[in-house]
Amino acid sequence: MRRSVALLCLLPLGAQAGDLTFYEKSIAAAADCHKTYEQVVPDWRRNRAALFTRFPDGRERLIHCLPDGVAEWICVPAAGKIYTAVQIGKTLAACEAQTPKVPVLDKPSMFAP
């Protein structure tokens, strides 16, 4: 069952180490994604731990490197959705330099198969 939750509440949900948790939320435009990013990472445009990518098809991706894991948002304005994945106890290769003691996942995105 899919749950829609306010992304502001994602991190304090008490996920256990090794858990990979997914969320989704409806949006009206990319600006809604930016508001969501700001709720969790207020300085996401300047923060070294927040890695932002905009794709040619309009999708956006934000990776937030955390001291004990990683959070990843995929914004798909054309579909009216923002998807979030949170991993505690592991990180993505993009965050390896910032969190060298956290094991790295063997895929480029938590949304990759």
N, C-alpha and C. Protein backbone atom coordinates (compact mmCIF):
# COMPACT_ATOMS: atom_id res chain seq x y z
N MET A 1 0.84 -1.17 0.00
CA MET A 1 0.00 0.00 0.00
C MET A 1 0.89 1.24 0.00
N ARG A 2 0.57 2.18 -0.86
CA ARG A 2 1.34 3.42 -0.93
C ARG A 2 0.77 4.43 0.03
N ARG A 3 1.65 5.16 0.67
CA ARG A 3 1.23 6.18 1.63
C ARG A 3 1.72 7.54 1.16
N SER A 4 0.90 8.51 1.30
CA SER A 4 1.32 9.89 1.05
C SER A 4 1.49 10.55 2.41
N VAL A 5 2.64 11.13 2.62
CA VAL A 5 2.91 11.81 3.89
C VAL A 5 3.59 13.13 3.61
N ALA A 6 3.50 14.02 4.53
CA ALA A 6 4.24 15.28 4.42
C ALA A 6 5.71 14.94 4.55
N LEU A 7 6.51 15.38 3.61
CA LEU A 7 7.92 15.00 3.59
C LEU A 7 8.69 15.65 4.73
N LEU A 8 8.13 16.66 5.35
CA LEU A 8 8.77 17.26 6.50
C LEU A 8 8.93 16.24 7.62
N CYS A 9 8.07 15.28 7.67
CA CYS A 9 8.07 14.29 8.75
C CYS A 9 8.87 13.04 8.41
N LEU A 10 9.56 13.01 7.29
CA LEU A 10 10.23 11.79 6.85
C LEU A 10 11.34 11.33 7.78
N LEU A 11 12.23 12.20 8.13
CA LEU A 11 13.42 11.78 8.84
C LEU A 11 13.19 11.33 10.27
N PRO A 12 12.29 11.92 11.02
CA PRO A 12 12.13 11.45 12.40
C PRO A 12 11.18 10.27 12.56
N LEU A 13 10.95 9.48 11.52
CA LEU A 13 10.01 8.38 11.62
C LEU A 13 10.56 7.17 12.37
N GLY A 14 11.84 7.17 12.69
CA GLY A 14 12.40 6.07 13.48
C GLY A 14 12.74 4.85 12.66
N ALA A 15 13.18 5.04 11.42
CA ALA A 15 13.58 3.91 10.61
C ALA A 15 14.79 3.24 11.23
N GLN A 16 14.87 1.95 11.09
CA GLN A 16 15.99 1.18 11.63
C GLN A 16 17.12 1.11 10.62
N ALA A 17 18.34 0.89 11.08
CA ALA A 17 19.49 0.76 10.19
C ALA A 17 19.23 -0.35 9.18
N GLY A 18 19.55 -0.07 7.93
CA GLY A 18 19.36 -1.05 6.88
C GLY A 18 18.00 -0.96 6.20
N ASP A 19 17.06 -0.24 6.82
CA ASP A 19 15.74 -0.09 6.22
C ASP A 19 15.81 0.86 5.04
N LEU A 20 15.12 0.52 3.96
CA LEU A 20 14.95 1.41 2.82
C LEU A 20 13.46 1.70 2.77
N THR A 21 13.11 2.95 2.95
CA THR A 21 11.71 3.35 3.05
C THR A 21 11.37 4.30 1.92
N PHE A 22 10.23 4.08 1.27
CA PHE A 22 9.78 4.92 0.16
C PHE A 22 8.51 5.67 0.54
N TYR A 23 8.38 6.88 0.00
CA TYR A 23 7.19 7.71 0.18
C TYR A 23 6.87 8.36 -1.14
N GLU A 24 5.63 8.80 -1.31
CA GLU A 24 5.27 9.61 -2.46
C GLU A 24 4.25 10.65 -2.04
N LYS A 25 4.22 11.74 -2.80
CA LYS A 25 3.32 12.85 -2.49
C LYS A 25 2.88 13.48 -3.80
N SER A 26 1.65 13.89 -3.89
CA SER A 26 1.16 14.58 -5.08
C SER A 26 1.64 16.03 -5.07
N ILE A 27 1.94 16.53 -6.27
CA ILE A 27 2.37 17.91 -6.44
C ILE A 27 1.64 18.50 -7.63
N ALA A 28 1.62 19.83 -7.72
CA ALA A 28 1.01 20.50 -8.86
C ALA A 28 2.06 20.98 -9.86
N ALA A 29 3.26 21.29 -9.36
CA ALA A 29 4.33 21.81 -10.22
C ALA A 29 5.68 21.59 -9.55
N ALA A 30 6.76 21.84 -10.30
CA ALA A 30 8.11 21.69 -9.75
C ALA A 30 8.32 22.60 -8.55
N ALA A 31 7.65 23.73 -8.52
CA ALA A 31 7.78 24.65 -7.37
C ALA A 31 7.35 23.96 -6.07
N ASP A 32 6.39 23.04 -6.15
CA ASP A 32 5.99 22.29 -4.96
C ASP A 32 7.12 21.39 -4.48
N CYS A 33 7.88 20.86 -5.41
CA CYS A 33 9.05 20.04 -5.03
C CYS A 33 10.07 20.91 -4.31
N HIS A 34 10.30 22.11 -4.82
CA HIS A 34 11.27 23.01 -4.19
C HIS A 34 10.84 23.38 -2.77
N LYS A 35 9.55 23.57 -2.57
CA LYS A 35 9.04 23.84 -1.23
C LYS A 35 9.28 22.64 -0.31
N THR A 36 9.11 21.44 -0.85
CA THR A 36 9.34 20.22 -0.07
C THR A 36 10.82 20.11 0.29
N TYR A 37 11.71 20.36 -0.68
CA TYR A 37 13.14 20.32 -0.39
C TYR A 37 13.48 21.29 0.74
N GLU A 38 12.91 22.51 0.66
CA GLU A 38 13.19 23.54 1.66
C GLU A 38 12.72 23.16 3.05
N GLN A 39 11.67 22.36 3.14
CA GLN A 39 11.19 21.92 4.45
C GLN A 39 12.19 21.02 5.14
N VAL A 40 12.90 20.22 4.36
CA VAL A 40 13.83 19.25 4.94
C VAL A 40 15.27 19.76 4.92
N VAL A 41 15.66 20.43 3.85
CA VAL A 41 17.01 20.97 3.70
C VAL A 41 16.85 22.45 3.33
N PRO A 42 16.66 23.34 4.32
CA PRO A 42 16.34 24.74 4.01
C PRO A 42 17.30 25.42 3.04
N ASP A 43 18.58 25.06 3.08
CA ASP A 43 19.57 25.67 2.19
C ASP A 43 19.99 24.72 1.07
N TRP A 44 19.04 23.96 0.53
CA TRP A 44 19.36 22.89 -0.42
C TRP A 44 20.09 23.38 -1.67
N ARG A 45 19.95 24.64 -2.03
CA ARG A 45 20.63 25.15 -3.23
C ARG A 45 22.11 25.42 -2.97
N ARG A 46 22.51 25.60 -1.71
CA ARG A 46 23.89 25.93 -1.36
C ARG A 46 24.58 24.86 -0.51
N ASN A 47 23.83 23.96 0.04
CA ASN A 47 24.35 22.96 0.97
C ASN A 47 25.17 21.90 0.22
N ARG A 48 26.42 21.69 0.66
CA ARG A 48 27.28 20.68 0.01
C ARG A 48 26.73 19.27 0.15
N ALA A 49 25.93 19.04 1.17
CA ALA A 49 25.36 17.71 1.39
C ALA A 49 24.09 17.48 0.57
N ALA A 50 23.65 18.48 -0.17
CA ALA A 50 22.46 18.37 -1.01
C ALA A 50 22.89 18.47 -2.47
N LEU A 51 22.76 17.37 -3.19
CA LEU A 51 23.22 17.28 -4.58
C LEU A 51 22.00 17.31 -5.51
N PHE A 52 21.85 18.41 -6.26
CA PHE A 52 20.67 18.63 -7.09
C PHE A 52 21.00 18.41 -8.56
N THR A 53 20.09 17.71 -9.26
CA THR A 53 20.22 17.48 -10.70
C THR A 53 18.88 17.73 -11.37
N ARG A 54 18.88 18.47 -12.47
CA ARG A 54 17.68 18.66 -13.29
C ARG A 54 17.92 17.92 -14.61
N PHE A 55 16.96 17.08 -15.01
CA PHE A 55 17.08 16.29 -16.22
C PHE A 55 16.37 16.99 -17.39
N PRO A 56 16.78 16.71 -18.63
CA PRO A 56 16.19 17.36 -19.80
C PRO A 56 14.66 17.16 -19.92
N ASP A 57 14.15 16.06 -19.39
CA ASP A 57 12.71 15.81 -19.51
C ASP A 57 11.89 16.50 -18.42
N GLY A 58 12.52 17.33 -17.58
CA GLY A 58 11.80 18.07 -16.56
C GLY A 58 11.86 17.46 -15.17
N ARG A 59 12.32 16.21 -15.07
CA ARG A 59 12.45 15.59 -13.75
C ARG A 59 13.58 16.25 -12.99
N GLU A 60 13.50 16.18 -11.65
CA GLU A 60 14.56 16.69 -10.79
C GLU A 60 14.91 15.61 -9.77
N ARG A 61 16.17 15.66 -9.33
CA ARG A 61 16.63 14.71 -8.32
C ARG A 61 17.44 15.47 -7.28
N LEU A 62 17.14 15.23 -6.02
CA LEU A 62 17.92 15.80 -4.92
C LEU A 62 18.36 14.67 -4.03
N ILE A 63 19.66 14.57 -3.82
CA ILE A 63 20.24 13.61 -2.89
C ILE A 63 20.71 14.40 -1.68
N HIS A 64 20.29 13.99 -0.49
CA HIS A 64 20.74 14.65 0.75
C HIS A 64 21.59 13.65 1.52
N CYS A 65 22.87 13.93 1.58
CA CYS A 65 23.81 13.07 2.29
C CYS A 65 23.67 13.34 3.79
N LEU A 66 23.34 12.31 4.53
CA LEU A 66 23.15 12.42 5.97
C LEU A 66 24.31 11.74 6.70
N PRO A 67 24.57 12.10 7.95
CA PRO A 67 25.68 11.49 8.68
C PRO A 67 25.55 9.97 8.81
N ASP A 68 24.32 9.45 8.83
CA ASP A 68 24.11 8.01 9.01
C ASP A 68 23.29 7.37 7.89
N GLY A 69 23.23 8.02 6.73
CA GLY A 69 22.44 7.46 5.63
C GLY A 69 22.26 8.47 4.52
N VAL A 70 21.15 8.35 3.81
CA VAL A 70 20.91 9.21 2.65
C VAL A 70 19.41 9.32 2.40
N ALA A 71 18.99 10.46 1.88
CA ALA A 71 17.61 10.65 1.42
C ALA A 71 17.68 11.10 -0.03
N GLU A 72 16.77 10.60 -0.85
CA GLU A 72 16.76 10.94 -2.26
C GLU A 72 15.34 11.28 -2.68
N TRP A 73 15.20 12.40 -3.36
CA TRP A 73 13.90 12.82 -3.89
C TRP A 73 13.96 12.81 -5.40
N ILE A 74 12.92 12.29 -6.03
CA ILE A 74 12.75 12.37 -7.47
C ILE A 74 11.45 13.13 -7.70
N CYS A 75 11.54 14.28 -8.36
CA CYS A 75 10.38 15.11 -8.64
C CYS A 75 10.00 14.89 -10.10
N VAL A 76 8.75 14.52 -10.34
CA VAL A 76 8.25 14.27 -11.69
C VAL A 76 7.02 15.16 -11.91
N PRO A 77 7.23 16.42 -12.27
CA PRO A 77 6.10 17.33 -12.44
C PRO A 77 5.07 16.85 -13.46
N ALA A 78 5.53 16.20 -14.54
CA ALA A 78 4.61 15.71 -15.57
C ALA A 78 3.63 14.68 -15.01
N ALA A 79 4.07 13.92 -14.02
CA ALA A 79 3.20 12.91 -13.39
C ALA A 79 2.50 13.46 -12.15
N GLY A 80 2.88 14.67 -11.73
CA GLY A 80 2.28 15.27 -10.54
C GLY A 80 2.68 14.57 -9.25
N LYS A 81 3.92 14.06 -9.19
CA LYS A 81 4.38 13.31 -8.01
C LYS A 81 5.80 13.68 -7.64
N ILE A 82 6.08 13.56 -6.35
CA ILE A 82 7.45 13.58 -5.84
C ILE A 82 7.61 12.29 -5.05
N TYR A 83 8.70 11.59 -5.33
CA TYR A 83 8.99 10.31 -4.69
C TYR A 83 10.21 10.49 -3.80
N THR A 84 10.18 9.86 -2.65
CA THR A 84 11.28 9.97 -1.69
C THR A 84 11.70 8.58 -1.22
N ALA A 85 13.01 8.39 -1.11
CA ALA A 85 13.57 7.17 -0.53
C ALA A 85 14.52 7.58 0.58
N VAL A 86 14.45 6.89 1.70
CA VAL A 86 15.33 7.16 2.83
C VAL A 86 16.01 5.86 3.22
N GLN A 87 17.33 5.89 3.31
CA GLN A 87 18.13 4.72 3.68
C GLN A 87 18.97 5.08 4.90
N ILE A 88 18.81 4.34 5.96
CA ILE A 88 19.61 4.53 7.17
C ILE A 88 20.65 3.41 7.22
N GLY A 89 21.88 3.77 7.53
CA GLY A 89 22.95 2.77 7.66
C GLY A 89 23.70 2.50 6.37
N LYS A 90 23.28 3.07 5.26
CA LYS A 90 23.97 2.95 3.97
C LYS A 90 23.80 4.26 3.23
N THR A 91 24.64 4.47 2.21
CA THR A 91 24.57 5.71 1.44
C THR A 91 24.81 5.43 -0.03
N LEU A 92 24.70 6.45 -0.85
CA LEU A 92 24.98 6.34 -2.28
C LEU A 92 26.41 6.77 -2.55
N ALA A 93 26.97 6.33 -3.67
CA ALA A 93 28.35 6.67 -4.02
C ALA A 93 28.55 8.19 -4.10
N ALA A 94 27.53 8.93 -4.49
CA ALA A 94 27.62 10.39 -4.57
C ALA A 94 27.92 11.02 -3.21
N CYS A 95 27.61 10.31 -2.13
CA CYS A 95 27.81 10.85 -0.77
C CYS A 95 29.05 10.27 -0.09
N GLU A 96 29.75 9.40 -0.75
CA GLU A 96 30.85 8.67 -0.13
C GLU A 96 31.91 9.59 0.48
N ALA A 97 32.26 10.67 -0.18
CA ALA A 97 33.28 11.58 0.35
C ALA A 97 32.81 12.30 1.61
N GLN A 98 31.51 12.55 1.72
CA GLN A 98 30.99 13.27 2.87
C GLN A 98 30.70 12.36 4.06
N THR A 99 30.45 11.09 3.79
CA THR A 99 30.15 10.13 4.86
C THR A 99 30.99 8.87 4.65
N PRO A 100 32.33 8.98 4.81
CA PRO A 100 33.22 7.87 4.46
C PRO A 100 33.05 6.61 5.31
N LYS A 101 32.46 6.70 6.48
CA LYS A 101 32.32 5.53 7.35
C LYS A 101 31.02 4.77 7.12
N VAL A 102 30.15 5.28 6.24
CA VAL A 102 28.87 4.63 5.97
C VAL A 102 29.02 3.74 4.74
N PRO A 103 28.60 2.47 4.81
CA PRO A 103 28.70 1.59 3.65
C PRO A 103 27.94 2.15 2.44
N VAL A 104 28.51 1.94 1.24
CA VAL A 104 27.94 2.48 0.01
C VAL A 104 27.10 1.42 -0.70
N LEU A 105 25.91 1.82 -1.14
CA LEU A 105 25.04 0.93 -1.92
C LEU A 105 25.68 0.68 -3.28
N ASP A 106 25.39 -0.46 -3.87
CA ASP A 106 25.99 -0.81 -5.16
C ASP A 106 25.12 -0.38 -6.34
N LYS A 107 24.38 0.71 -6.19
CA LYS A 107 23.58 1.24 -7.30
C LYS A 107 23.62 2.76 -7.24
N PRO A 108 23.43 3.44 -8.38
CA PRO A 108 23.57 4.89 -8.43
C PRO A 108 22.39 5.66 -7.81
N SER A 109 21.27 4.98 -7.63
CA SER A 109 20.07 5.61 -7.09
C SER A 109 19.31 4.58 -6.28
N MET A 110 18.63 5.03 -5.26
CA MET A 110 17.80 4.10 -4.48
C MET A 110 16.56 3.67 -5.26
N PHE A 111 16.26 4.39 -6.33
CA PHE A 111 15.13 4.04 -7.18
C PHE A 111 15.53 3.10 -8.31
N ALA A 112 16.83 2.83 -8.46
CA ALA A 112 17.31 1.91 -9.49
C ALA A 112 16.94 0.48 -9.10
N PRO A 113 16.64 -0.37 -10.10
CA PRO A 113 16.29 -1.77 -9.77
C PRO A 113 17.46 -2.54 -9.17
